[in-house]
PDB file of N, CA and C in Angstrom:
ATOM      1  N   UNK A   1       0.845  -1.182   0.000  1.00  0.00           N
ATOM      2  CA  UNK A   1       0.000   0.000   0.000  1.00  0.00           C
ATOM      3  C   UNK A   1       0.887   1.240   0.000  1.00  0.00           C
ATOM      4  N   UNK A   2       0.522   2.215  -0.824  1.00  0.00           N
ATOM      5  CA  UNK A   2       1.283   3.461  -0.936  1.00  0.00           C
ATOM      6  C   UNK A   2       0.920   4.381   0.218  1.00  0.00           C
ATOM      7  N   UNK A   3       1.927   5.019   0.828  1.00  0.00           N
ATOM      8  CA  UNK A   3       1.681   5.907   1.956  1.00  0.00           C
ATOM      9  C   UNK A   3       2.378   7.244   1.708  1.00  0.00           C
ATOM     10  N   UNK A   4       1.646   8.336   1.913  1.00  0.00           N
ATOM     11  CA  UNK A   4       2.209   9.664   1.719  1.00  0.00           C
ATOM     12  C   UNK A   4       3.144  10.024   2.868  1.00  0.00           C
ATOM     13  N   UNK A   5       4.188  10.714   2.553  1.00  0.00           N
ATOM     14  CA  UNK A   5       5.064  11.199   3.608  1.00  0.00           C
ATOM     15  C   UNK A   5       4.358  12.315   4.375  1.00  0.00           C
ATOM     16  N   UNK A   6       4.836  12.611   5.562  1.00  0.00           N
ATOM     17  CA  UNK A   6       4.249  13.666   6.375  1.00  0.00           C
ATOM     18  C   UNK A   6       4.326  15.003   5.653  1.00  0.00           C
ATOM     19  N   UNK A   7       5.447  15.279   4.990  1.00  0.00           N
ATOM     20  CA  UNK A   7       5.615  16.538   4.277  1.00  0.00           C
ATOM     21  C   UNK A   7       4.592  16.664   3.151  1.00  0.00           C
ATOM     22  N   UNK A   8       4.368  15.597   2.410  1.00  0.00           N
ATOM     23  CA  UNK A   8       3.410  15.618   1.310  1.00  0.00           C
ATOM     24  C   UNK A   8       1.996  15.830   1.847  1.00  0.00           C
ATOM     25  N   UNK A   9       1.668  15.196   2.969  1.00  0.00           N
ATOM     26  CA  UNK A   9       0.347  15.374   3.562  1.00  0.00           C
ATOM     27  C   UNK A   9       0.146  16.830   3.987  1.00  0.00           C
ATOM     28  N   UNK A  10       1.157  17.446   4.573  1.00  0.00           N
ATOM     29  CA  UNK A  10       1.056  18.838   5.001  1.00  0.00           C
ATOM     30  C   UNK A  10       0.900  19.761   3.803  1.00  0.00           C
ATOM     31  N   UNK A  11       1.653  19.514   2.745  1.00  0.00           N
ATOM     32  CA  UNK A  11       1.540  20.330   1.545  1.00  0.00           C
ATOM     33  C   UNK A  11       0.149  20.213   0.944  1.00  0.00           C
ATOM     34  N   UNK A  12      -0.415  19.016   0.943  1.00  0.00           N
ATOM     35  CA  UNK A  12      -1.751  18.804   0.409  1.00  0.00           C
ATOM     36  C   UNK A  12      -2.776  19.567   1.234  1.00  0.00           C
ATOM     37  N   UNK A  13      -2.659  19.542   2.546  1.00  0.00           N
ATOM     38  CA  UNK A  13      -3.593  20.257   3.409  1.00  0.00           C
ATOM     39  C   UNK A  13      -3.516  21.758   3.170  1.00  0.00           C
ATOM     40  N   UNK A  14      -2.334  22.276   2.999  1.00  0.00           N
ATOM     41  CA  UNK A  14      -2.175  23.704   2.736  1.00  0.00           C
ATOM     42  C   UNK A  14      -2.820  24.073   1.409  1.00  0.00           C
ATOM     43  N   UNK A  15      -2.608  23.269   0.382  1.00  0.00           N
ATOM     44  CA  UNK A  15      -3.202  23.538  -0.921  1.00  0.00           C
ATOM     45  C   UNK A  15      -4.723  23.505  -0.856  1.00  0.00           C
ATOM     46  N   UNK A  16      -5.278  22.555  -0.140  1.00  0.00           N
ATOM     47  CA  UNK A  16      -6.730  22.451  -0.009  1.00  0.00           C
ATOM     48  C   UNK A  16      -7.265  23.676   0.714  1.00  0.00           C
ATOM     49  N   UNK A  17      -6.607  24.128   1.761  1.00  0.00           N
ATOM     50  CA  UNK A  17      -7.048  25.288   2.516  1.00  0.00           C
ATOM     51  C   UNK A  17      -7.024  26.526   1.626  1.00  0.00           C
ATOM     52  N   UNK A  18      -5.974  26.709   0.837  1.00  0.00           N
ATOM     53  CA  UNK A  18      -5.864  27.870  -0.036  1.00  0.00           C
ATOM     54  C   UNK A  18      -6.970  27.880  -1.079  1.00  0.00           C
ATOM     55  N   UNK A  19      -7.321  26.735  -1.607  1.00  0.00           N
ATOM     56  CA  UNK A  19      -8.348  26.659  -2.640  1.00  0.00           C
ATOM     57  C   UNK A  19      -9.736  26.897  -2.074  1.00  0.00           C
ATOM     58  N   UNK A  20      -9.999  26.519  -0.827  1.00  0.00           N
ATOM     59  CA  UNK A  20     -11.336  26.635  -0.274  1.00  0.00           C
ATOM     60  C   UNK A  20     -11.615  28.010   0.319  1.00  0.00           C
ATOM     61  N   UNK A  21     -10.587  28.794   0.623  1.00  0.00           N
ATOM     62  CA  UNK A  21     -10.811  30.125   1.161  1.00  0.00           C
ATOM     63  C   UNK A  21     -11.279  31.045   0.036  1.00  0.00           C
ATOM     64  N   UNK A  22     -12.479  31.587   0.189  1.00  0.00           N
ATOM     65  CA  UNK A  22     -13.033  32.440  -0.855  1.00  0.00           C
ATOM     66  C   UNK A  22     -12.335  33.785  -0.869  1.00  0.00           C
ATOM     67  N   UNK A  23     -12.110  34.294  -2.064  1.00  0.00           N
ATOM     68  CA  UNK A  23     -11.468  35.586  -2.249  1.00  0.00           C
ATOM     69  C   UNK A  23     -12.516  36.563  -2.769  1.00  0.00           C
ATOM     70  N   UNK A  24     -12.479  37.758  -2.242  1.00  0.00           N
ATOM     71  CA  UNK A  24     -13.420  38.794  -2.623  1.00  0.00           C
ATOM     72  C   UNK A  24     -12.659  40.019  -3.120  1.00  0.00           C
ATOM     73  N   UNK A  25     -13.389  40.893  -3.819  1.00  0.00           N
ATOM     74  CA  UNK A  25     -12.834  42.155  -4.295  1.00  0.00           C
ATOM     75  C   UNK A  25     -13.478  43.298  -3.526  1.00  0.00           C
ATOM     76  N   UNK A  26     -12.656  44.232  -3.081  1.00  0.00           N
ATOM     77  CA  UNK A  26     -13.143  45.486  -2.523  1.00  0.00           C
ATOM     78  C   UNK A  26     -13.219  46.454  -3.697  1.00  0.00           C
ATOM     79  N   UNK A  27     -14.421  46.923  -3.988  1.00  0.00           N
ATOM     80  CA  UNK A  27     -14.653  47.736  -5.184  1.00  0.00           C
ATOM     81  C   UNK A  27     -15.111  49.126  -4.777  1.00  0.00           C
ATOM     82  N   UNK A  28     -14.457  50.152  -5.350  1.00  0.00           N
ATOM     83  CA  UNK A  28     -14.878  51.535  -5.161  1.00  0.00           C
ATOM     84  C   UNK A  28     -15.683  51.966  -6.372  1.00  0.00           C
ATOM     85  N   UNK A  29     -16.669  52.847  -6.146  1.00  0.00           N
ATOM     86  CA  UNK A  29     -17.538  53.349  -7.208  1.00  0.00           C
ATOM     87  C   UNK A  29     -17.405  54.860  -7.337  1.00  0.00           C
ATOM     88  N   UNK A  30     -17.574  55.332  -8.552  1.00  0.00           N
ATOM     89  CA  UNK A  30     -17.491  56.753  -8.837  1.00  0.00           C
ATOM     90  C   UNK A  30     -18.695  57.490  -8.254  1.00  0.00           C
ATOM     91  N   UNK A  31     -18.469  58.731  -7.858  1.00  0.00           N
ATOM     92  CA  UNK A  31     -19.547  59.624  -7.455  1.00  0.00           C
ATOM     93  C   UNK A  31     -19.152  61.044  -7.848  1.00  0.00           C
ATOM     94  N   UNK A  32     -20.040  61.967  -7.657  1.00  0.00           N
ATOM     95  CA  UNK A  32     -19.755  63.358  -7.994  1.00  0.00           C
ATOM     96  C   UNK A  32     -19.468  64.187  -6.750  1.00  0.00           C
ATOM     97  N   UNK A  33     -19.105  63.525  -5.669  1.00  0.00           N
ATOM     98  CA  UNK A  33     -18.931  64.216  -4.392  1.00  0.00           C
ATOM     99  C   UNK A  33     -17.464  64.284  -3.976  1.00  0.00           C
ATOM    100  N   UNK A  34     -16.776  63.154  -4.004  1.00  0.00           N
ATOM    101  CA  UNK A  34     -15.416  63.078  -3.463  1.00  0.00           C
ATOM    102  C   UNK A  34     -14.374  63.581  -4.454  1.00  0.00           C
ATOM    103  N   UNK A  35     -13.355  64.242  -3.921  1.00  0.00           N
ATOM    104  CA  UNK A  35     -12.271  64.741  -4.750  1.00  0.00           C
ATOM    105  C   UNK A  35     -11.258  63.639  -5.006  1.00  0.00           C
ATOM    106  N   UNK A  36     -10.459  63.828  -6.043  1.00  0.00           N
ATOM    107  CA  UNK A  36      -9.385  62.885  -6.329  1.00  0.00           C
ATOM    108  C   UNK A  36      -8.455  62.764  -5.121  1.00  0.00           C
ATOM    109  N   UNK A  37      -8.092  63.890  -4.547  1.00  0.00           N
ATOM    110  CA  UNK A  37      -7.156  63.881  -3.412  1.00  0.00           C
ATOM    111  C   UNK A  37      -7.703  63.094  -2.230  1.00  0.00           C
ATOM    112  N   UNK A  38      -9.009  63.241  -1.964  1.00  0.00           N
ATOM    113  CA  UNK A  38      -9.628  62.519  -0.844  1.00  0.00           C
ATOM    114  C   UNK A  38      -9.583  61.007  -1.081  1.00  0.00           C
ATOM    115  N   UNK A  39      -9.915  60.592  -2.292  1.00  0.00           N
ATOM    116  CA  UNK A  39      -9.921  59.161  -2.615  1.00  0.00           C
ATOM    117  C   UNK A  39      -8.490  58.608  -2.601  1.00  0.00           C
ATOM    118  N   UNK A  40      -7.560  59.335  -3.182  1.00  0.00           N
ATOM    119  CA  UNK A  40      -6.154  58.894  -3.191  1.00  0.00           C
ATOM    120  C   UNK A  40      -5.640  58.734  -1.768  1.00  0.00           C
ATOM    121  N   UNK A  41      -5.863  59.749  -0.930  1.00  0.00           N
ATOM    122  CA  UNK A  41      -5.396  59.682   0.458  1.00  0.00           C
ATOM    123  C   UNK A  41      -6.046  58.519   1.206  1.00  0.00           C
ATOM    124  N   UNK A  42      -7.323  58.274   0.941  1.00  0.00           N
ATOM    125  CA  UNK A  42      -8.035  57.159   1.589  1.00  0.00           C
ATOM    126  C   UNK A  42      -7.455  55.811   1.164  1.00  0.00           C
ATOM    127  N   UNK A  43      -7.147  55.656  -0.124  1.00  0.00           N
ATOM    128  CA  UNK A  43      -6.541  54.404  -0.600  1.00  0.00           C
ATOM    129  C   UNK A  43      -5.179  54.171   0.050  1.00  0.00           C
ATOM    130  N   UNK A  44      -4.424  55.220   0.216  1.00  0.00           N
ATOM    131  CA  UNK A  44      -3.103  55.099   0.845  1.00  0.00           C
ATOM    132  C   UNK A  44      -3.256  54.687   2.310  1.00  0.00           C
ATOM    133  N   UNK A  45      -4.170  55.328   3.018  1.00  0.00           N
ATOM    134  CA  UNK A  45      -4.344  55.052   4.446  1.00  0.00           C
ATOM    135  C   UNK A  45      -5.051  53.730   4.728  1.00  0.00           C
ATOM    136  N   UNK A  46      -6.070  53.419   3.962  1.00  0.00           N
ATOM    137  CA  UNK A  46      -6.882  52.230   4.249  1.00  0.00           C
ATOM    138  C   UNK A  46      -6.286  50.965   3.636  1.00  0.00           C
ATOM    139  N   UNK A  47      -5.915  51.028   2.365  1.00  0.00           N
ATOM    140  CA  UNK A  47      -5.431  49.844   1.642  1.00  0.00           C
ATOM    141  C   UNK A  47      -3.913  49.737   1.605  1.00  0.00           C
ATOM    142  N   UNK A  48      -3.231  50.759   2.124  1.00  0.00           N
ATOM    143  CA  UNK A  48      -1.760  50.778   2.119  1.00  0.00           C
ATOM    144  C   UNK A  48      -1.199  50.801   0.702  1.00  0.00           C
ATOM    145  N   UNK A  49      -1.935  51.439  -0.227  1.00  0.00           N
ATOM    146  CA  UNK A  49      -1.425  51.613  -1.586  1.00  0.00           C
ATOM    147  C   UNK A  49      -0.307  52.647  -1.572  1.00  0.00           C
ATOM    148  N   UNK A  50       0.618  52.518  -2.525  1.00  0.00           N
ATOM    149  CA  UNK A  50       1.576  53.602  -2.701  1.00  0.00           C
ATOM    150  C   UNK A  50       0.876  54.685  -3.530  1.00  0.00           C
ATOM    151  N   UNK A  51       1.508  55.839  -3.660  1.00  0.00           N
ATOM    152  CA  UNK A  51       0.868  56.979  -4.323  1.00  0.00           C
ATOM    153  C   UNK A  51       0.478  56.657  -5.764  1.00  0.00           C
ATOM    154  N   UNK A  52       1.357  56.024  -6.501  1.00  0.00           N
ATOM    155  CA  UNK A  52       1.076  55.720  -7.914  1.00  0.00           C
ATOM    156  C   UNK A  52      -0.108  54.767  -8.045  1.00  0.00           C
ATOM    157  N   UNK A  53      -0.128  53.727  -7.244  1.00  0.00           N
ATOM    158  CA  UNK A  53      -1.232  52.762  -7.295  1.00  0.00           C
ATOM    159  C   UNK A  53      -2.551  53.439  -6.921  1.00  0.00           C
ATOM    160  N   UNK A  54      -2.521  54.291  -5.904  1.00  0.00           N
ATOM    161  CA  UNK A  54      -3.734  54.995  -5.478  1.00  0.00           C
ATOM    162  C   UNK A  54      -4.236  55.928  -6.578  1.00  0.00           C
ATOM    163  N   UNK A  55      -3.315  56.620  -7.240  1.00  0.00           N
ATOM    164  CA  UNK A  55      -3.705  57.510  -8.331  1.00  0.00           C
ATOM    165  C   UNK A  55      -4.316  56.725  -9.490  1.00  0.00           C
ATOM    166  N   UNK A  56      -3.717  55.595  -9.835  1.00  0.00           N
ATOM    167  CA  UNK A  56      -4.230  54.777 -10.933  1.00  0.00           C
ATOM    168  C   UNK A  56      -5.627  54.245 -10.618  1.00  0.00           C
ATOM    169  N   UNK A  57      -5.830  53.770  -9.398  1.00  0.00           N
ATOM    170  CA  UNK A  57      -7.151  53.266  -9.002  1.00  0.00           C
ATOM    171  C   UNK A  57      -8.188  54.383  -9.051  1.00  0.00           C
ATOM    172  N   UNK A  58      -7.794  55.571  -8.591  1.00  0.00           N
ATOM    173  CA  UNK A  58      -8.717  56.701  -8.589  1.00  0.00           C
ATOM    174  C   UNK A  58      -9.114  57.083 -10.013  1.00  0.00           C
ATOM    175  N   UNK A  59      -8.163  57.075 -10.928  1.00  0.00           N
ATOM    176  CA  UNK A  59      -8.479  57.371 -12.332  1.00  0.00           C
ATOM    177  C   UNK A  59      -9.408  56.317 -12.925  1.00  0.00           C
ATOM    178  N   UNK A  60      -9.170  55.053 -12.604  1.00  0.00           N
ATOM    179  CA  UNK A  60     -10.058  53.987 -13.093  1.00  0.00           C
ATOM    180  C   UNK A  60     -11.468  54.157 -12.547  1.00  0.00           C
ATOM    181  N   UNK A  61     -11.582  54.481 -11.274  1.00  0.00           N
ATOM    182  CA  UNK A  61     -12.901  54.722 -10.687  1.00  0.00           C
ATOM    183  C   UNK A  61     -13.595  55.860 -11.432  1.00  0.00           C
ATOM    184  N   UNK A  62     -12.866  56.925 -11.682  1.00  0.00           N
ATOM    185  CA  UNK A  62     -13.445  58.099 -12.338  1.00  0.00           C
ATOM    186  C   UNK A  62     -13.893  57.805 -13.769  1.00  0.00           C
ATOM    187  N   UNK A  63     -13.027  57.166 -14.543  1.00  0.00           N
ATOM    188  CA  UNK A  63     -13.318  56.970 -15.967  1.00  0.00           C
ATOM    189  C   UNK A  63     -14.117  55.708 -16.280  1.00  0.00           C
ATOM    190  N   UNK A  64     -13.971  54.670 -15.469  1.00  0.00           N
ATOM    191  CA  UNK A  64     -14.683  53.407 -15.718  1.00  0.00           C
ATOM    192  C   UNK A  64     -15.924  53.241 -14.841  1.00  0.00           C
ATOM    193  N   UNK A  65     -16.028  54.061 -13.785  1.00  0.00           N
ATOM    194  CA  UNK A  65     -17.189  53.977 -12.909  1.00  0.00           C
ATOM    195  C   UNK A  65     -16.960  53.139 -11.666  1.00  0.00           C
ATOM    196  N   UNK A  66     -15.973  52.261 -11.723  1.00  0.00           N
ATOM    197  CA  UNK A  66     -15.643  51.448 -10.553  1.00  0.00           C
ATOM    198  C   UNK A  66     -14.260  50.842 -10.744  1.00  0.00           C
ATOM    199  N   UNK A  67     -13.698  50.362  -9.630  1.00  0.00           N
ATOM    200  CA  UNK A  67     -12.390  49.713  -9.697  1.00  0.00           C
ATOM    201  C   UNK A  67     -12.210  48.814  -8.480  1.00  0.00           C
ATOM    202  N   UNK A  68     -11.748  47.587  -8.721  1.00  0.00           N
ATOM    203  CA  UNK A  68     -11.361  46.705  -7.631  1.00  0.00           C
ATOM    204  C   UNK A  68     -10.035  47.189  -7.066  1.00  0.00           C
ATOM    205  N   UNK A  69     -10.010  47.528  -5.788  1.00  0.00           N
ATOM    206  CA  UNK A  69      -8.807  48.118  -5.202  1.00  0.00           C
ATOM    207  C   UNK A  69      -8.051  47.175  -4.278  1.00  0.00           C
ATOM    208  N   UNK A  70      -8.696  46.068  -3.877  1.00  0.00           N
ATOM    209  CA  UNK A  70      -8.035  45.127  -2.977  1.00  0.00           C
ATOM    210  C   UNK A  70      -8.722  43.774  -3.104  1.00  0.00           C
ATOM    211  N   UNK A  71      -7.947  42.715  -3.013  1.00  0.00           N
ATOM    212  CA  UNK A  71      -8.470  41.347  -3.032  1.00  0.00           C
ATOM    213  C   UNK A  71      -8.097  40.691  -1.717  1.00  0.00           C
ATOM    214  N   UNK A  72      -9.040  39.938  -1.139  1.00  0.00           N
ATOM    215  CA  UNK A  72      -8.750  39.257   0.114  1.00  0.00           C
ATOM    216  C   UNK A  72      -9.973  38.520   0.610  1.00  0.00           C
ATOM    217  N   UNK A  73      -9.882  38.036   1.822  1.00  0.00           N
ATOM    218  CA  UNK A  73     -11.024  37.358   2.429  1.00  0.00           C
ATOM    219  C   UNK A  73     -12.038  38.412   2.872  1.00  0.00           C
ATOM    220  N   UNK A  74     -13.251  37.982   3.054  1.00  0.00           N
ATOM    221  CA  UNK A  74     -14.300  38.907   3.497  1.00  0.00           C
ATOM    222  C   UNK A  74     -13.916  39.530   4.833  1.00  0.00           C
ATOM    223  N   UNK A  75     -13.354  38.716   5.688  1.00  0.00           N
ATOM    224  CA  UNK A  75     -12.949  39.185   7.024  1.00  0.00           C
ATOM    225  C   UNK A  75     -11.892  40.289   6.930  1.00  0.00           C
ATOM    226  N   UNK A  76     -10.962  40.170   5.986  1.00  0.00           N
ATOM    227  CA  UNK A  76      -9.929  41.194   5.791  1.00  0.00           C
ATOM    228  C   UNK A  76     -10.504  42.477   5.195  1.00  0.00           C
ATOM    229  N   UNK A  77     -11.432  42.324   4.253  1.00  0.00           N
ATOM    230  CA  UNK A  77     -11.923  43.468   3.498  1.00  0.00           C
ATOM    231  C   UNK A  77     -13.035  44.254   4.188  1.00  0.00           C
ATOM    232  N   UNK A  78     -13.766  43.621   5.072  1.00  0.00           N
ATOM    233  CA  UNK A  78     -14.910  44.292   5.700  1.00  0.00           C
ATOM    234  C   UNK A  78     -14.518  45.579   6.425  1.00  0.00           C
ATOM    235  N   UNK A  79     -13.477  45.566   7.291  1.00  0.00           N
ATOM    236  CA  UNK A  79     -13.126  46.829   7.952  1.00  0.00           C
ATOM    237  C   UNK A  79     -12.654  47.908   6.967  1.00  0.00           C
ATOM    238  N   UNK A  80     -12.013  47.489   5.888  1.00  0.00           N
ATOM    239  CA  UNK A  80     -11.580  48.453   4.871  1.00  0.00           C
ATOM    240  C   UNK A  80     -12.795  49.070   4.183  1.00  0.00           C
ATOM    241  N   UNK A  81     -13.755  48.243   3.830  1.00  0.00           N
ATOM    242  CA  UNK A  81     -14.971  48.724   3.180  1.00  0.00           C
ATOM    243  C   UNK A  81     -15.693  49.708   4.094  1.00  0.00           C
ATOM    244  N   UNK A  82     -15.804  49.383   5.361  1.00  0.00           N
ATOM    245  CA  UNK A  82     -16.466  50.262   6.315  1.00  0.00           C
ATOM    246  C   UNK A  82     -15.713  51.588   6.460  1.00  0.00           C
ATOM    247  N   UNK A  83     -14.382  51.533   6.401  1.00  0.00           N
ATOM    248  CA  UNK A  83     -13.576  52.754   6.497  1.00  0.00           C
ATOM    249  C   UNK A  83     -13.847  53.672   5.301  1.00  0.00           C
ATOM    250  N   UNK A  84     -13.969  53.095   4.099  1.00  0.00           N
ATOM    251  CA  UNK A  84     -14.306  53.908   2.928  1.00  0.00           C
ATOM    252  C   UNK A  84     -15.699  54.514   3.081  1.00  0.00           C
ATOM    253  N   UNK A  85     -16.649  53.698   3.524  1.00  0.00           N
ATOM    254  CA  UNK A  85     -18.014  54.193   3.698  1.00  0.00           C
ATOM    255  C   UNK A  85     -18.066  55.307   4.738  1.00  0.00           C
ATOM    256  N   UNK A  86     -17.296  55.164   5.808  1.00  0.00           N
ATOM    257  CA  UNK A  86     -17.230  56.204   6.841  1.00  0.00           C
ATOM    258  C   UNK A  86     -16.689  57.521   6.289  1.00  0.00           C
ATOM    259  N   UNK A  87     -15.865  57.434   5.248  1.00  0.00           N
ATOM    260  CA  UNK A  87     -15.297  58.639   4.623  1.00  0.00           C
ATOM    261  C   UNK A  87     -16.165  59.157   3.481  1.00  0.00           C
ATOM    262  N   UNK A  88     -17.323  58.536   3.294  1.00  0.00           N
ATOM    263  CA  UNK A  88     -18.235  58.983   2.256  1.00  0.00           C
ATOM    264  C   UNK A  88     -17.917  58.479   0.870  1.00  0.00           C
ATOM    265  N   UNK A  89     -17.090  57.439   0.776  1.00  0.00           N
ATOM    266  CA  UNK A  89     -16.693  56.871  -0.504  1.00  0.00           C
ATOM    267  C   UNK A  89     -17.492  55.582  -0.732  1.00  0.00           C
ATOM    268  N   UNK A  90     -18.157  55.486  -1.882  1.00  0.00           N
ATOM    269  CA  UNK A  90     -18.970  54.309  -2.196  1.00  0.00           C
ATOM    270  C   UNK A  90     -18.080  53.089  -2.410  1.00  0.00           C
ATOM    271  N   UNK A  91     -18.345  52.031  -1.646  1.00  0.00           N
ATOM    272  CA  UNK A  91     -17.551  50.806  -1.728  1.00  0.00           C
ATOM    273  C   UNK A  91     -18.412  49.596  -1.416  1.00  0.00           C
ATOM    274  N   UNK A  92     -18.079  48.479  -2.040  1.00  0.00           N
ATOM    275  CA  UNK A  92     -18.748  47.206  -1.746  1.00  0.00           C
ATOM    276  C   UNK A  92     -17.711  46.086  -1.771  1.00  0.00           C
ATOM    277  N   UNK A  93     -18.108  44.965  -1.218  1.00  0.00           N
ATOM    278  CA  UNK A  93     -17.308  43.747  -1.305  1.00  0.00           C
ATOM    279  C   UNK A  93     -18.058  42.803  -2.230  1.00  0.00           C
ATOM    280  N   UNK A  94     -17.383  42.376  -3.289  1.00  0.00           N
ATOM    281  CA  UNK A  94     -18.024  41.497  -4.279  1.00  0.00           C
ATOM    282  C   UNK A  94     -17.281  40.199  -4.398  1.00  0.00           C
TER     283      UNK A  94
END
């Protein structure tokens, strides 16, 4: 009978865990209220984006209407989404 080594069993468990954890997108939506500077600063503070990444996301939100700004588990993204909403920025977890 074939038997897996302990290392192989551990690697398999890790792979299964990674595949079963659902990943979500934190999405920002365009509005006519918030300034570019406010959204950029919020992305830097909440999502830890660097300035260039925050600027690019803000432009995508403005011109495309929405942009996924962070990927993660629901548990990770929920406080970030709430922080955007608290700042008056439209955001959802999808």
